[in-house]
Amino acid sequence: MRNLNEGTMKIAIDLGGTNMRVGLVDGATVVDTVIEPCPAREAEDVVTNQLRRQIAQLMCTEVTGIGVGVPSVVDSHRGIVYNVANIPSWKEVHLKAILEEDFGVPVAVNNDANCFALGAWRYGEGQGTDDMVGLTIGTGVGSGIIIRGKLYNGVNTGAGEIGSLPFRDADYEFYCSSRFFSELHGDTGANFGRRAQAGDKEALAVWQEFGENIGELIKAVLFTYAPEAIIIGGGIANAFPLYEAAMRQSLLSFPYPANVAATTIAPSTLADAAMLGASLLV
């Protein structure tokens, strides 16, 4: 049975091209979830209607707001979502207006990496910092920026897209995401992880190279924001022990070693960080 506290309940949504995750959140606790595959190749209203149905399964009178994280740029003031990654039909969706009309509570919409950063900052490894960067490393590279205890969005939540900065012959996202494994080395990061844990020398060398790339990405963050903490989330965060040594070796060449020493660099261990962050939007 749900333990509902009056005035503290939120609906939080972590929308992706693979899964649509909707949660009922009470403070730092995800009380209940509805997770369904995303009909990413369908028309705009098919995706929107499924989201409505998932929300309706968790909606109750105690809910005071809905927070949504999406993998795209967002007009966070008006709640308009543009060009969602991996959902081609979502080119301009007035999501805030749609959900407020349907459910009668305030709705806030933001970028999913920003939601991860908010969750990690409030409830995870970023607690106690004023300035923090959250990096999401998985199928792509995203980042959320906390400055003086507040999320920094920029125009249309476009701030902090460090993964799109040029790096080598492509960008950081190419060399610091799952694409590094699949497109450069011909297998998934998960398979390379299993092989490395079994002592496979080729796989260990691939993770060494990946760690060096992550070190260069961290340098870009240090040069740009000099935060107190850099917290890494996403699917590849769980493999942190496989690339941490190479990452830290790469950081030895950073010209301001005192800044490296003053910065906590750690993987997130907070379950549902992006969903918890979405709940903090409202």
Protein backbone atom coordinates (compact mmCIF):
# COMPACT_ATOMS: atom_id res chain seq x y z
CA MET A 1 0.00 0.00 0.00
CA ARG A 2 1.32 3.46 -0.91
CA ASN A 3 2.40 5.74 1.90
CA LEU A 4 1.28 9.10 0.53
CA ASN A 5 2.23 12.39 2.14
CA GLU A 6 -0.09 15.29 1.44
CA GLY A 7 1.50 17.93 -0.80
CA THR A 8 4.75 16.11 -1.51
CA MET A 9 3.82 13.73 -4.32
CA LYS A 10 4.98 14.34 -7.89
CA ILE A 11 4.72 12.49 -11.15
CA ALA A 12 8.17 12.27 -12.72
CA ILE A 13 8.85 11.20 -16.30
CA ASP A 14 12.10 10.01 -17.87
CA LEU A 15 11.32 9.87 -21.57
CA GLY A 16 13.63 8.00 -23.91
CA GLY A 17 13.52 6.60 -27.39
CA THR A 18 13.66 3.06 -25.99
CA ASN A 19 11.52 3.27 -22.83
CA MET A 20 9.06 5.69 -21.31
CA ARG A 21 9.46 5.66 -17.53
CA VAL A 22 6.79 7.32 -15.40
CA GLY A 23 7.15 7.37 -11.62
CA LEU A 24 5.22 8.47 -8.57
CA VAL A 25 7.77 10.28 -6.39
CA ASP A 26 7.64 11.28 -2.74
CA GLY A 27 10.73 13.34 -1.92
CA ALA A 28 13.74 11.10 -2.55
CA THR A 29 11.62 7.96 -2.97
CA VAL A 30 10.14 6.56 -6.16
CA VAL A 31 6.99 4.98 -4.76
CA ASP A 32 5.72 3.31 -7.94
CA THR A 33 6.64 3.18 -11.64
CA VAL A 34 5.05 2.38 -14.98
CA ILE A 35 7.65 1.53 -17.63
CA GLU A 36 6.69 0.73 -21.21
CA PRO A 37 8.57 0.58 -24.53
CA CYS A 38 8.39 3.85 -26.43
CA PRO A 39 6.58 3.69 -29.78
CA ALA A 40 9.37 5.89 -31.10
CA ARG A 41 8.65 5.37 -34.81
CA GLU A 42 4.95 6.14 -34.52
CA ALA A 43 3.12 9.44 -35.03
CA GLU A 44 3.35 12.24 -32.48
CA ASP A 45 -0.08 11.59 -30.98
CA VAL A 46 0.61 7.85 -30.54
CA VAL A 47 3.59 8.66 -28.30
CA THR A 48 1.69 11.42 -26.47
CA ASN A 49 -1.35 9.22 -25.86
CA GLN A 50 0.78 6.43 -24.41
CA LEU A 51 2.41 8.94 -22.06
CA ARG A 52 -1.05 10.09 -20.97
CA ARG A 53 -2.09 6.51 -20.23
CA GLN A 54 1.02 5.83 -18.17
CA ILE A 55 0.54 9.01 -16.14
CA ALA A 56 -3.13 8.18 -15.55
CA GLN A 57 -2.15 4.85 -13.97
CA LEU A 58 -0.25 6.70 -11.21
CA MET A 59 -2.23 9.92 -10.91
CA CYS A 60 -3.90 10.54 -7.54
CA THR A 61 -5.27 13.48 -5.59
CA GLU A 62 -2.01 13.88 -3.63
CA VAL A 63 0.00 14.70 -6.79
CA THR A 64 0.92 18.40 -6.91
CA GLY A 65 2.85 18.52 -10.19
CA ILE A 66 4.41 16.68 -13.12
CA GLY A 67 8.09 16.96 -14.10
CA VAL A 68 9.34 15.67 -17.44
CA GLY A 69 12.87 15.01 -18.69
CA VAL A 70 13.31 14.58 -22.45
CA PRO A 71 16.42 13.95 -24.60
CA SER A 72 16.17 17.17 -26.59
CA VAL A 73 16.26 20.93 -26.42
CA VAL A 74 13.31 22.40 -24.56
CA ASP A 75 11.73 25.81 -24.18
CA SER A 76 11.53 25.28 -20.44
CA HIS A 77 9.47 28.45 -19.87
CA ARG A 78 6.64 27.37 -22.18
CA GLY A 79 7.25 23.62 -21.91
CA ILE A 80 7.73 23.11 -25.64
CA VAL A 81 9.84 20.13 -26.72
CA TYR A 82 11.82 20.31 -29.97
CA ASN A 83 13.37 17.55 -32.10
CA VAL A 84 13.49 14.73 -29.56
CA ALA A 85 16.40 12.38 -30.11
CA ASN A 86 15.19 8.98 -31.36
CA ILE A 87 11.52 10.04 -31.58
CA PRO A 88 11.38 11.57 -35.10
CA SER A 89 7.72 12.62 -34.93
CA TRP A 90 8.29 14.86 -31.90
CA LYS A 91 9.51 17.93 -33.74
CA GLU A 92 7.55 20.54 -31.75
CA VAL A 93 5.37 19.26 -28.94
CA HIS A 94 3.66 21.68 -26.54
CA LEU A 95 3.93 19.13 -23.76
CA LYS A 96 3.35 21.43 -20.80
CA ALA A 97 0.05 22.70 -22.23
CA ILE A 98 -1.09 19.21 -23.20
CA LEU A 99 -0.45 17.63 -19.79
CA GLU A 100 -1.72 20.59 -17.76
CA GLU A 101 -5.00 20.49 -19.67
CA ASP A 102 -5.32 16.74 -19.14
CA PHE A 103 -4.32 16.47 -15.49
CA GLY A 104 -4.92 19.91 -13.96
CA VAL A 105 -1.59 20.25 -12.12
CA PRO A 106 1.53 22.33 -12.92
CA VAL A 107 3.90 20.73 -15.43
CA ALA A 108 7.60 21.50 -15.99
CA VAL A 109 9.71 20.14 -18.83
CA ASN A 110 13.49 20.08 -19.18
CA ASN A 111 16.37 18.20 -20.78
CA ASP A 112 17.00 14.70 -19.41
CA ALA A 113 20.69 15.32 -18.64
CA ASN A 114 19.66 18.38 -16.65
CA CYS A 115 17.24 16.20 -14.70
CA PHE A 116 20.04 13.72 -13.97
CA ALA A 117 22.25 16.55 -12.71
CA LEU A 118 19.48 17.88 -10.46
CA GLY A 119 18.85 14.44 -8.98
CA ALA A 120 22.54 13.72 -8.39
CA TRP A 121 23.04 17.16 -6.86
CA ARG A 122 20.09 17.03 -4.47
CA TYR A 123 20.07 13.36 -3.51
CA GLY A 124 23.27 11.73 -4.79
CA GLU A 125 27.03 12.19 -4.89
CA GLY A 126 26.69 15.91 -5.65
CA GLN A 127 25.07 16.72 -2.31
CA GLY A 128 26.71 19.60 -0.47
CA THR A 129 28.20 21.26 -3.56
CA ASP A 130 27.33 24.65 -5.01
CA ASP A 131 28.85 23.98 -8.44
CA MET A 132 28.49 20.57 -10.07
CA VAL A 133 28.43 19.02 -13.53
CA GLY A 134 26.47 15.84 -14.21
CA LEU A 135 27.66 13.82 -17.20
CA THR A 136 25.43 11.17 -18.75
CA ILE A 137 27.42 8.66 -20.77
CA GLY A 138 25.56 6.00 -22.70
CA THR A 139 24.25 6.02 -26.26
CA GLY A 140 25.33 9.68 -26.27
CA VAL A 141 26.99 12.20 -23.99
CA GLY A 142 24.87 14.76 -22.15
CA SER A 143 25.56 17.12 -19.31
CA GLY A 144 23.71 19.22 -16.78
CA ILE A 145 25.23 22.24 -15.05
CA ILE A 146 24.57 23.37 -11.48
CA ILE A 147 25.97 26.84 -10.73
CA ARG A 148 25.67 28.37 -7.25
CA GLY A 149 23.04 25.83 -6.33
CA LYS A 150 20.83 26.40 -9.37
CA LEU A 151 20.39 24.54 -12.63
CA TYR A 152 21.81 26.56 -15.52
CA ASN A 153 19.71 26.03 -18.65
CA GLY A 154 20.88 28.56 -21.22
CA VAL A 155 18.62 29.16 -24.22
CA ASN A 156 16.21 26.25 -24.75
CA THR A 157 18.14 24.17 -22.17
CA GLY A 158 21.03 24.11 -24.63
CA ALA A 159 23.81 24.84 -22.12
CA GLY A 160 26.41 22.20 -21.38
CA GLU A 161 26.28 20.22 -24.64
CA ILE A 162 29.93 19.32 -24.20
CA GLY A 163 29.52 16.08 -26.10
CA SER A 164 29.01 18.06 -29.31
CA LEU A 165 32.30 19.93 -29.02
CA PRO A 166 34.90 18.94 -31.66
CA PHE A 167 37.33 16.25 -30.55
CA ARG A 168 39.87 14.56 -32.79
CA ASP A 169 38.17 13.86 -36.13
CA ALA A 170 34.62 13.95 -34.71
CA ASP A 171 33.31 15.10 -31.33
CA TYR A 172 33.46 14.00 -27.69
CA GLU A 173 30.19 12.11 -28.03
CA PHE A 174 31.64 9.83 -30.71
CA TYR A 175 34.69 8.92 -28.62
CA CYS A 176 33.06 8.91 -25.16
CA SER A 177 29.79 7.02 -25.67
CA SER A 178 28.68 3.55 -26.73
CA ARG A 179 29.53 4.57 -30.30
CA PHE A 180 33.21 4.29 -29.40
CA PHE A 181 32.73 0.57 -28.84
CA SER A 182 30.26 -0.24 -31.62
CA GLU A 183 31.59 1.97 -34.42
CA LEU A 184 35.32 1.95 -33.71
CA HIS A 185 35.76 -1.52 -32.21
CA GLY A 186 32.82 -3.50 -33.58
CA ASP A 187 31.10 -4.69 -30.42
CA THR A 188 28.96 -3.39 -27.57
CA GLY A 189 30.34 -1.81 -24.43
CA ALA A 190 28.55 -4.51 -22.43
CA ASN A 191 30.39 -7.27 -24.28
CA PHE A 192 33.72 -5.49 -23.92
CA GLY A 193 32.93 -5.14 -20.22
CA ARG A 194 32.32 -8.86 -19.79
CA ARG A 195 35.49 -9.69 -21.70
CA ALA A 196 37.56 -7.21 -19.68
CA GLN A 197 36.29 -8.61 -16.39
CA ALA A 198 37.38 -12.05 -17.58
CA GLY A 199 40.89 -10.71 -18.22
CA ASP A 200 40.75 -10.42 -22.02
CA LYS A 201 43.76 -8.30 -22.99
CA GLU A 202 42.18 -6.82 -26.12
CA ALA A 203 39.11 -5.73 -24.19
CA LEU A 204 41.23 -4.26 -21.39
CA ALA A 205 43.15 -2.24 -23.99
CA VAL A 206 39.88 -0.92 -25.45
CA TRP A 207 38.75 0.23 -21.99
CA GLN A 208 42.17 1.83 -21.47
CA GLU A 209 41.66 3.86 -24.64
CA PHE A 210 38.11 4.73 -23.61
CA GLY A 211 39.35 5.95 -20.21
CA GLU A 212 41.87 8.21 -21.90
CA ASN A 213 39.03 9.70 -23.96
CA ILE A 214 36.91 10.23 -20.83
CA GLY A 215 39.91 11.97 -19.26
CA GLU A 216 39.95 14.41 -22.17
CA LEU A 217 36.21 14.98 -21.74
CA ILE A 218 36.73 15.69 -18.03
CA LYS A 219 39.46 18.20 -18.94
CA ALA A 220 36.97 20.05 -21.15
CA VAL A 221 34.58 20.23 -18.18
CA LEU A 222 37.35 21.44 -15.86
CA PHE A 223 38.45 24.14 -18.29
CA THR A 224 34.88 25.30 -18.87
CA TYR A 225 33.24 25.12 -15.44
CA ALA A 226 35.85 24.17 -12.79
CA PRO A 227 33.12 22.52 -10.67
CA GLU A 228 33.42 21.06 -7.20
CA ALA A 229 32.13 17.71 -8.48
CA ILE A 230 31.69 15.87 -11.76
CA ILE A 231 29.19 13.05 -11.38
CA ILE A 232 28.94 10.43 -14.13
CA GLY A 233 25.68 8.66 -14.91
CA GLY A 234 24.21 6.72 -17.79
CA GLY A 235 24.70 3.14 -18.85
CA ILE A 236 28.50 3.27 -18.90
CA ALA A 237 28.75 4.67 -15.37
CA ASN A 238 28.52 1.11 -14.02
CA ALA A 239 31.77 0.27 -15.82
CA PHE A 240 33.68 3.07 -14.04
CA PRO A 241 36.25 0.65 -12.48
CA LEU A 242 37.26 -0.47 -15.98
CA TYR A 243 38.29 2.98 -17.14
CA GLU A 244 38.91 5.02 -13.98
CA ALA A 245 42.69 4.42 -13.83
CA ALA A 246 43.21 5.47 -17.46
CA MET A 247 40.97 8.51 -16.95
CA ARG A 248 42.92 9.66 -13.91
CA GLN A 249 46.24 9.03 -15.68
CA SER A 250 45.05 11.30 -18.49
CA LEU A 251 44.17 14.02 -15.96
CA LEU A 252 47.81 14.17 -14.80
CA SER A 253 48.53 16.37 -17.83
CA PHE A 254 45.90 18.94 -16.86
CA PRO A 255 47.78 22.24 -16.34
CA TYR A 256 46.05 23.07 -13.02
CA PRO A 257 46.53 19.99 -10.80
CA ALA A 258 45.13 21.80 -7.77
CA ASN A 259 41.78 22.05 -9.60
CA VAL A 260 41.79 18.33 -10.35
CA ALA A 261 42.56 17.59 -6.70
CA ALA A 262 39.72 19.84 -5.56
CA THR A 263 37.15 18.18 -7.84
CA THR A 264 35.26 15.03 -6.89
CA ILE A 265 34.96 12.77 -9.94
CA ALA A 266 32.70 9.81 -9.26
CA PRO A 267 30.03 7.60 -10.80
CA SER A 268 26.46 8.04 -9.64
CA THR A 269 25.12 5.26 -7.44
CA LEU A 270 21.71 6.92 -7.08
CA ALA A 271 18.93 4.82 -8.56
CA ASP A 272 16.46 6.82 -10.67
CA ALA A 273 18.55 10.01 -10.51
CA ALA A 274 16.98 11.46 -13.68
CA MET A 275 13.45 10.68 -12.47
CA LEU A 276 14.14 12.21 -9.05
CA GLY A 277 15.59 15.26 -10.79
CA ALA A 278 12.49 15.59 -12.96
CA SER A 279 10.38 15.64 -9.80
CA LEU A 280 12.39 18.64 -8.60
CA LEU A 281 11.37 20.69 -11.65
CA VAL A 282 7.94 21.38 -10.11
